[in-house]
């Protein structure tokens, strides 16, 4: 049985920001969400550089080593961001988060740096597949904060690492997939302002991917949308 991924993306600059620093890619095997940082116009540039560097993987033959392919492409993105910063002092400090999945046979490689997330829905149950690289996540890991406390913490957006031309440690894993699995990739503009229970219910009751993505963005806007928000809703199906 050959598995394929069918996906749609939706993005909105939100109700406060004057620009959208998120970038997104939906390919045949590869899905990417990147959330730029560093202010105008550097954040947009960083996320764009990253998405362009990773997108070439979608055109490559399936090597059977999807995680290594993503890690190599991410290293290229990091080098290009470093070069872009060297070209213009105004770009100092720019960088981007990334969450990506790449389908290979009956599994996906999931890769992330920063606080953009990847979730899976299987048999109606929502599971977060990535771990945030944030100050508040470290406090949750230490038992200082609960996940609900972290969502409301004033420093919830403080990332502890990003792709910004310097050292970083991507988190990656291989995940078995099956027909019927649904994946959500999103920037923190969704996960910081919409509770997981609402995300799960929205993905469950909206079988149409485009509708599900639009509803997730709508929930964010209803909650004030102080940040850019980007989502990809993807379904694994038989070819």
C-alpha atoms as a PDB file:
ATOM      1  CA  UNK A   1       0.000   0.000   0.000  1.00  0.00           C
ATOM      2  CA  UNK A   2       1.380   3.387  -1.048  1.00  0.00           C
ATOM      3  CA  UNK A   3       0.623   6.317   1.219  1.00  0.00           C
ATOM      4  CA  UNK A   4       0.378   9.961   0.161  1.00  0.00           C
ATOM      5  CA  UNK A   5      -0.177  13.234   1.979  1.00  0.00           C
ATOM      6  CA  UNK A   6      -2.932  15.648   0.936  1.00  0.00           C
ATOM      7  CA  UNK A   7      -2.593  19.045   2.572  1.00  0.00           C
ATOM      8  CA  UNK A   8      -3.813  22.634   2.578  1.00  0.00           C
ATOM      9  CA  UNK A   9      -2.400  25.725   4.276  1.00  0.00           C
ATOM     10  CA  UNK A  10      -3.952  28.886   5.678  1.00  0.00           C
ATOM     11  CA  UNK A  11      -2.233  31.977   7.047  1.00  0.00           C
ATOM     12  CA  UNK A  12      -3.224  35.366   8.444  1.00  0.00           C
ATOM     13  CA  UNK A  13      -1.154  38.271   9.712  1.00  0.00           C
ATOM     14  CA  UNK A  14      -3.503  38.608  12.686  1.00  0.00           C
ATOM     15  CA  UNK A  15      -5.206  41.645  14.137  1.00  0.00           C
ATOM     16  CA  UNK A  16      -2.159  43.429  15.567  1.00  0.00           C
ATOM     17  CA  UNK A  17       0.875  42.816  13.351  1.00  0.00           C
ATOM     18  CA  UNK A  18       1.431  44.960  10.276  1.00  0.00           C
ATOM     19  CA  UNK A  19       3.168  42.172   8.359  1.00  0.00           C
ATOM     20  CA  UNK A  20       3.315  38.396   8.214  1.00  0.00           C
ATOM     21  CA  UNK A  21       6.664  36.844   9.151  1.00  0.00           C
ATOM     22  CA  UNK A  22       5.387  33.284   8.785  1.00  0.00           C
ATOM     23  CA  UNK A  23       6.264  31.216   5.730  1.00  0.00           C
ATOM     24  CA  UNK A  24       4.736  27.951   4.606  1.00  0.00           C
ATOM     25  CA  UNK A  25       5.371  25.185   2.079  1.00  0.00           C
ATOM     26  CA  UNK A  26       3.037  22.387   0.989  1.00  0.00           C
ATOM     27  CA  UNK A  27       4.586  19.835  -1.344  1.00  0.00           C
ATOM     28  CA  UNK A  28       3.950  16.265  -2.387  1.00  0.00           C
ATOM     29  CA  UNK A  29       5.919  14.743   0.516  1.00  0.00           C
ATOM     30  CA  UNK A  30       7.116  17.763   2.468  1.00  0.00           C
ATOM     31  CA  UNK A  31       5.234  20.199   4.717  1.00  0.00           C
ATOM     32  CA  UNK A  32       6.936  23.181   6.396  1.00  0.00           C
ATOM     33  CA  UNK A  33       5.878  26.042   8.676  1.00  0.00           C
ATOM     34  CA  UNK A  34       8.434  28.691   9.667  1.00  0.00           C
ATOM     35  CA  UNK A  35       7.899  31.670  11.969  1.00  0.00           C
ATOM     36  CA  UNK A  36      10.410  34.454  11.377  1.00  0.00           C
ATOM     37  CA  UNK A  37      11.781  36.763  14.045  1.00  0.00           C
ATOM     38  CA  UNK A  38      13.987  39.808  14.117  1.00  0.00           C
ATOM     39  CA  UNK A  39      11.640  42.580  13.037  1.00  0.00           C
ATOM     40  CA  UNK A  40      10.892  44.164   9.682  1.00  0.00           C
ATOM     41  CA  UNK A  41      11.943  42.959   7.186  1.00  0.00           C
ATOM     42  CA  UNK A  42      14.400  40.466   8.630  1.00  0.00           C
ATOM     43  CA  UNK A  43      11.893  37.996  10.074  1.00  0.00           C
ATOM     44  CA  UNK A  44      10.136  37.580   6.752  1.00  0.00           C
ATOM     45  CA  UNK A  45      13.489  37.093   5.041  1.00  0.00           C
ATOM     46  CA  UNK A  46      14.677  34.431   7.480  1.00  0.00           C
ATOM     47  CA  UNK A  47      11.527  32.324   7.205  1.00  0.00           C
ATOM     48  CA  UNK A  48      11.540  32.679   3.410  1.00  0.00           C
ATOM     49  CA  UNK A  49      15.174  31.577   3.179  1.00  0.00           C
ATOM     50  CA  UNK A  50      14.433  28.533   5.311  1.00  0.00           C
ATOM     51  CA  UNK A  51      11.352  27.437   3.402  1.00  0.00           C
ATOM     52  CA  UNK A  52      13.137  27.819   0.064  1.00  0.00           C
ATOM     53  CA  UNK A  53      16.099  25.760   1.285  1.00  0.00           C
ATOM     54  CA  UNK A  54      13.899  22.952   2.608  1.00  0.00           C
ATOM     55  CA  UNK A  55      11.537  22.919  -0.372  1.00  0.00           C
ATOM     56  CA  UNK A  56      14.173  21.315  -2.620  1.00  0.00           C
ATOM     57  CA  UNK A  57      13.813  18.112  -0.601  1.00  0.00           C
ATOM     58  CA  UNK A  58      10.307  17.704  -1.992  1.00  0.00           C
ATOM     59  CA  UNK A  59      11.750  17.313  -5.508  1.00  0.00           C
ATOM     60  CA  UNK A  60      14.392  14.806  -4.461  1.00  0.00           C
ATOM     61  CA  UNK A  61      13.913  11.048  -4.861  1.00  0.00           C
ATOM     62  CA  UNK A  62      12.905   9.310  -1.656  1.00  0.00           C
ATOM     63  CA  UNK A  63      16.234   8.213  -0.196  1.00  0.00           C
ATOM     64  CA  UNK A  64      14.654   6.251   2.649  1.00  0.00           C
ATOM     65  CA  UNK A  65      16.462   8.556   5.088  1.00  0.00           C
ATOM     66  CA  UNK A  66      13.944  11.394   5.472  1.00  0.00           C
ATOM     67  CA  UNK A  67      15.274  12.730   8.763  1.00  0.00           C
ATOM     68  CA  UNK A  68      18.813  13.015   7.440  1.00  0.00           C
ATOM     69  CA  UNK A  69      17.497  14.741   4.308  1.00  0.00           C
ATOM     70  CA  UNK A  70      15.673  17.333   6.416  1.00  0.00           C
ATOM     71  CA  UNK A  71      18.651  17.908   8.697  1.00  0.00           C
ATOM     72  CA  UNK A  72      20.943  18.479   5.704  1.00  0.00           C
ATOM     73  CA  UNK A  73      18.537  20.959   4.111  1.00  0.00           C
ATOM     74  CA  UNK A  74      18.152  22.763   7.427  1.00  0.00           C
ATOM     75  CA  UNK A  75      21.935  23.139   7.665  1.00  0.00           C
ATOM     76  CA  UNK A  76      21.891  24.774   4.226  1.00  0.00           C
ATOM     77  CA  UNK A  77      19.169  27.160   5.379  1.00  0.00           C
ATOM     78  CA  UNK A  78      21.198  28.075   8.443  1.00  0.00           C
ATOM     79  CA  UNK A  79      24.245  28.844   6.305  1.00  0.00           C
ATOM     80  CA  UNK A  80      22.177  31.053   3.991  1.00  0.00           C
ATOM     81  CA  UNK A  81      20.697  32.941   6.934  1.00  0.00           C
ATOM     82  CA  UNK A  82      24.204  33.470   8.305  1.00  0.00           C
ATOM     83  CA  UNK A  83      25.305  34.862   4.929  1.00  0.00           C
ATOM     84  CA  UNK A  84      22.278  37.158   4.738  1.00  0.00           C
ATOM     85  CA  UNK A  85      23.059  38.574   8.187  1.00  0.00           C
ATOM     86  CA  UNK A  86      26.688  39.156   7.184  1.00  0.00           C
ATOM     87  CA  UNK A  87      25.486  41.150   4.159  1.00  0.00           C
ATOM     88  CA  UNK A  88      23.483  43.657   6.223  1.00  0.00           C
ATOM     89  CA  UNK A  89      23.993  44.714   9.841  1.00  0.00           C
ATOM     90  CA  UNK A  90      20.295  45.575  10.073  1.00  0.00           C
ATOM     91  CA  UNK A  91      19.563  41.838   9.900  1.00  0.00           C
ATOM     92  CA  UNK A  92      21.562  41.037  13.022  1.00  0.00           C
ATOM     93  CA  UNK A  93      19.467  38.827  15.290  1.00  0.00           C
ATOM     94  CA  UNK A  94      17.099  37.603  12.614  1.00  0.00           C
ATOM     95  CA  UNK A  95      16.105  33.974  12.595  1.00  0.00           C
ATOM     96  CA  UNK A  96      13.198  31.613  12.310  1.00  0.00           C
ATOM     97  CA  UNK A  97      11.533  28.646  13.920  1.00  0.00           C
ATOM     98  CA  UNK A  98      10.681  25.605  11.846  1.00  0.00           C
ATOM     99  CA  UNK A  99       8.453  22.586  12.028  1.00  0.00           C
ATOM    100  CA  UNK A 100       8.465  20.150   9.117  1.00  0.00           C
ATOM    101  CA  UNK A 101       7.424  16.642   8.201  1.00  0.00           C
ATOM    102  CA  UNK A 102       8.615  14.548   5.270  1.00  0.00           C
ATOM    103  CA  UNK A 103       6.815  11.407   4.138  1.00  0.00           C
ATOM    104  CA  UNK A 104       8.915   8.359   3.287  1.00  0.00           C
ATOM    105  CA  UNK A 105       7.091   5.080   2.720  1.00  0.00           C
ATOM    106  CA  UNK A 106       4.947   4.332   5.772  1.00  0.00           C
ATOM    107  CA  UNK A 107       6.565   6.854   8.096  1.00  0.00           C
ATOM    108  CA  UNK A 108       7.249  10.561   8.376  1.00  0.00           C
ATOM    109  CA  UNK A 109      10.278  12.375   9.681  1.00  0.00           C
ATOM    110  CA  UNK A 110       9.305  15.248  11.976  1.00  0.00           C
ATOM    111  CA  UNK A 111      11.815  18.029  12.608  1.00  0.00           C
ATOM    112  CA  UNK A 112      11.535  21.197  14.658  1.00  0.00           C
ATOM    113  CA  UNK A 113      13.510  24.085  16.096  1.00  0.00           C
ATOM    114  CA  UNK A 114      11.724  26.710  18.191  1.00  0.00           C
ATOM    115  CA  UNK A 115       8.048  26.765  19.090  1.00  0.00           C
ATOM    116  CA  UNK A 116       6.216  25.996  15.871  1.00  0.00           C
ATOM    117  CA  UNK A 117       4.403  22.716  16.435  1.00  0.00           C
ATOM    118  CA  UNK A 118       3.348  19.490  14.783  1.00  0.00           C
ATOM    119  CA  UNK A 119       0.336  17.496  16.009  1.00  0.00           C
ATOM    120  CA  UNK A 120      -1.224  14.230  14.866  1.00  0.00           C
ATOM    121  CA  UNK A 121      -4.831  13.135  15.140  1.00  0.00           C
ATOM    122  CA  UNK A 122      -5.317   9.356  15.128  1.00  0.00           C
ATOM    123  CA  UNK A 123      -8.604   7.708  16.044  1.00  0.00           C
ATOM    124  CA  UNK A 124      -9.859  11.083  17.253  1.00  0.00           C
ATOM    125  CA  UNK A 125      -6.982  11.653  19.695  1.00  0.00           C
ATOM    126  CA  UNK A 126      -4.724  14.704  19.366  1.00  0.00           C
ATOM    127  CA  UNK A 127      -1.024  14.164  20.140  1.00  0.00           C
ATOM    128  CA  UNK A 128       1.664  16.854  20.109  1.00  0.00           C
ATOM    129  CA  UNK A 129       4.665  15.382  18.299  1.00  0.00           C
ATOM    130  CA  UNK A 130       7.115  18.233  18.842  1.00  0.00           C
ATOM    131  CA  UNK A 131       8.475  19.881  21.963  1.00  0.00           C
ATOM    132  CA  UNK A 132       8.718  23.671  22.200  1.00  0.00           C
ATOM    133  CA  UNK A 133      12.172  25.205  22.545  1.00  0.00           C
ATOM    134  CA  UNK A 134      10.938  27.903  24.925  1.00  0.00           C
ATOM    135  CA  UNK A 135      11.635  29.308  28.355  1.00  0.00           C
ATOM    136  CA  UNK A 136       8.189  28.342  29.623  1.00  0.00           C
ATOM    137  CA  UNK A 137       8.474  24.782  28.295  1.00  0.00           C
ATOM    138  CA  UNK A 138      11.649  24.398  30.340  1.00  0.00           C
ATOM    139  CA  UNK A 139       9.667  25.534  33.402  1.00  0.00           C
ATOM    140  CA  UNK A 140       6.932  22.996  32.584  1.00  0.00           C
ATOM    141  CA  UNK A 141       9.569  20.258  32.294  1.00  0.00           C
ATOM    142  CA  UNK A 142      10.877  21.247  35.722  1.00  0.00           C
ATOM    143  CA  UNK A 143       7.392  21.145  37.240  1.00  0.00           C
ATOM    144  CA  UNK A 144       7.412  24.890  37.955  1.00  0.00           C
ATOM    145  CA  UNK A 145       4.516  25.607  35.577  1.00  0.00           C
ATOM    146  CA  UNK A 146       1.551  23.600  34.359  1.00  0.00           C
ATOM    147  CA  UNK A 147       0.848  23.579  30.609  1.00  0.00           C
ATOM    148  CA  UNK A 148      -2.149  25.874  31.250  1.00  0.00           C
ATOM    149  CA  UNK A 149       0.077  28.276  33.199  1.00  0.00           C
ATOM    150  CA  UNK A 150       2.565  28.263  30.326  1.00  0.00           C
ATOM    151  CA  UNK A 151      -0.127  29.265  27.839  1.00  0.00           C
ATOM    152  CA  UNK A 152      -0.834  32.430  29.843  1.00  0.00           C
ATOM    153  CA  UNK A 153       2.741  33.236  30.876  1.00  0.00           C
ATOM    154  CA  UNK A 154       3.954  36.688  29.709  1.00  0.00           C
ATOM    155  CA  UNK A 155       7.206  35.139  28.415  1.00  0.00           C
ATOM    156  CA  UNK A 156       5.584  32.260  26.545  1.00  0.00           C
ATOM    157  CA  UNK A 157       6.973  33.534  23.216  1.00  0.00           C
ATOM    158  CA  UNK A 158      10.592  33.545  24.420  1.00  0.00           C
ATOM    159  CA  UNK A 159      12.302  30.840  22.368  1.00  0.00           C
ATOM    160  CA  UNK A 160      15.503  29.256  23.599  1.00  0.00           C
ATOM    161  CA  UNK A 161      16.777  28.431  20.129  1.00  0.00           C
ATOM    162  CA  UNK A 162      16.031  29.191  16.492  1.00  0.00           C
ATOM    163  CA  UNK A 163      17.633  28.855  13.073  1.00  0.00           C
ATOM    164  CA  UNK A 164      19.608  32.105  12.930  1.00  0.00           C
ATOM    165  CA  UNK A 165      22.997  31.423  11.423  1.00  0.00           C
ATOM    166  CA  UNK A 166      24.588  30.033  14.576  1.00  0.00           C
ATOM    167  CA  UNK A 167      24.626  26.777  16.521  1.00  0.00           C
ATOM    168  CA  UNK A 168      21.302  25.000  17.033  1.00  0.00           C
ATOM    169  CA  UNK A 169      20.099  21.524  17.957  1.00  0.00           C
ATOM    170  CA  UNK A 170      17.136  20.334  15.881  1.00  0.00           C
ATOM    171  CA  UNK A 171      14.795  17.781  17.399  1.00  0.00           C
ATOM    172  CA  UNK A 172      13.867  15.009  15.017  1.00  0.00           C
ATOM    173  CA  UNK A 173      12.018  11.727  15.113  1.00  0.00           C
ATOM    174  CA  UNK A 174      10.610   9.088  12.783  1.00  0.00           C
ATOM    175  CA  UNK A 175       6.910   8.375  13.199  1.00  0.00           C
ATOM    176  CA  UNK A 176       4.996   5.433  11.678  1.00  0.00           C
ATOM    177  CA  UNK A 177       1.924   6.603   9.777  1.00  0.00           C
ATOM    178  CA  UNK A 178      -1.208   4.960   8.480  1.00  0.00           C
ATOM    179  CA  UNK A 179      -4.089   5.926   6.246  1.00  0.00           C
ATOM    180  CA  UNK A 180      -6.487   8.104   8.222  1.00  0.00           C
ATOM    181  CA  UNK A 181      -3.829   9.963  10.184  1.00  0.00           C
ATOM    182  CA  UNK A 182      -4.269  13.747  10.187  1.00  0.00           C
ATOM    183  CA  UNK A 183      -1.396  16.125  10.848  1.00  0.00           C
ATOM    184  CA  UNK A 184      -1.444  19.761  11.904  1.00  0.00           C
ATOM    185  CA  UNK A 185       1.600  21.991  11.573  1.00  0.00           C
ATOM    186  CA  UNK A 186       1.268  25.486  13.017  1.00  0.00           C
ATOM    187  CA  UNK A 187       3.085  28.578  14.179  1.00  0.00           C
ATOM    188  CA  UNK A 188       2.678  29.687  17.785  1.00  0.00           C
ATOM    189  CA  UNK A 189       0.076  32.188  16.616  1.00  0.00           C
ATOM    190  CA  UNK A 190      -2.330  29.258  16.857  1.00  0.00           C
ATOM    191  CA  UNK A 191      -1.005  27.166  19.734  1.00  0.00           C
ATOM    192  CA  UNK A 192      -0.462  30.121  22.095  1.00  0.00           C
ATOM    193  CA  UNK A 193      -4.042  31.380  21.779  1.00  0.00           C
ATOM    194  CA  UNK A 194      -6.228  28.367  20.991  1.00  0.00           C
ATOM    195  CA  UNK A 195      -6.429  25.530  23.502  1.00  0.00           C
ATOM    196  CA  UNK A 196      -5.539  22.008  22.443  1.00  0.00           C
ATOM    197  CA  UNK A 197      -9.087  20.833  23.174  1.00  0.00           C
ATOM    198  CA  UNK A 198     -10.459  23.334  20.655  1.00  0.00           C
ATOM    199  CA  UNK A 199      -7.787  22.416  18.113  1.00  0.00           C
ATOM    200  CA  UNK A 200      -8.630  18.733  18.521  1.00  0.00           C
ATOM    201  CA  UNK A 201     -12.374  19.261  18.176  1.00  0.00           C
ATOM    202  CA  UNK A 202     -11.930  21.470  15.109  1.00  0.00           C
ATOM    203  CA  UNK A 203      -9.809  18.823  13.391  1.00  0.00           C
ATOM    204  CA  UNK A 204     -12.263  16.060  14.330  1.00  0.00           C
ATOM    205  CA  UNK A 205     -15.515  17.686  13.195  1.00  0.00           C
ATOM    206  CA  UNK A 206     -14.226  19.129   9.925  1.00  0.00           C
ATOM    207  CA  UNK A 207     -13.229  16.327   7.554  1.00  0.00           C
ATOM    208  CA  UNK A 208     -12.604  18.842   4.767  1.00  0.00           C
ATOM    209  CA  UNK A 209      -9.025  20.057   5.132  1.00  0.00           C
ATOM    210  CA  UNK A 210      -9.663  23.542   3.790  1.00  0.00           C
ATOM    211  CA  UNK A 211     -12.567  24.054   6.170  1.00  0.00           C
ATOM    212  CA  UNK A 212     -10.565  22.760   9.134  1.00  0.00           C
ATOM    213  CA  UNK A 213      -7.671  25.109   8.378  1.00  0.00           C
ATOM    214  CA  UNK A 214      -9.990  28.087   7.984  1.00  0.00           C
ATOM    215  CA  UNK A 215     -11.766  27.280  11.244  1.00  0.00           C
ATOM    216  CA  UNK A 216      -8.477  27.109  13.145  1.00  0.00           C
ATOM    217  CA  UNK A 217      -7.537  30.558  11.869  1.00  0.00           C
ATOM    218  CA  UNK A 218     -11.009  31.827  12.752  1.00  0.00           C
ATOM    219  CA  UNK A 219     -10.621  30.624  16.336  1.00  0.00           C
ATOM    220  CA  UNK A 220      -7.349  32.527  16.552  1.00  0.00           C
ATOM    221  CA  UNK A 221      -8.935  35.716  15.235  1.00  0.00           C
ATOM    222  CA  UNK A 222     -11.775  35.378  17.732  1.00  0.00           C
ATOM    223  CA  UNK A 223      -9.164  35.210  20.503  1.00  0.00           C
ATOM    224  CA  UNK A 224      -7.585  38.490  19.429  1.00  0.00           C
ATOM    225  CA  UNK A 225      -4.880  37.138  17.089  1.00  0.00           C
ATOM    226  CA  UNK A 226      -2.028  39.302  18.392  1.00  0.00           C
ATOM    227  CA  UNK A 227       0.459  37.281  16.323  1.00  0.00           C
ATOM    228  CA  UNK A 228       0.692  35.946  12.792  1.00  0.00           C
ATOM    229  CA  UNK A 229      -0.958  32.550  12.465  1.00  0.00           C
ATOM    230  CA  UNK A 230      -0.189  29.811   9.954  1.00  0.00           C
ATOM    231  CA  UNK A 231      -1.558  26.272   9.789  1.00  0.00           C
ATOM    232  CA  UNK A 232      -1.228  23.228   7.558  1.00  0.00           C
ATOM    233  CA  UNK A 233      -3.854  20.502   7.782  1.00  0.00           C
ATOM    234  CA  UNK A 234      -2.727  17.265   6.129  1.00  0.00           C
ATOM    235  CA  UNK A 235      -4.338  13.856   5.725  1.00  0.00           C
ATOM    236  CA  UNK A 236      -2.511  10.613   5.048  1.00  0.00           C
ATOM    237  CA  UNK A 237      -4.403   8.520   2.485  1.00  0.00           C
ATOM    238  CA  UNK A 238      -3.851   5.594   0.180  1.00  0.00           C
ATOM    239  CA  UNK A 239      -2.576   6.619  -3.225  1.00  0.00           C
END
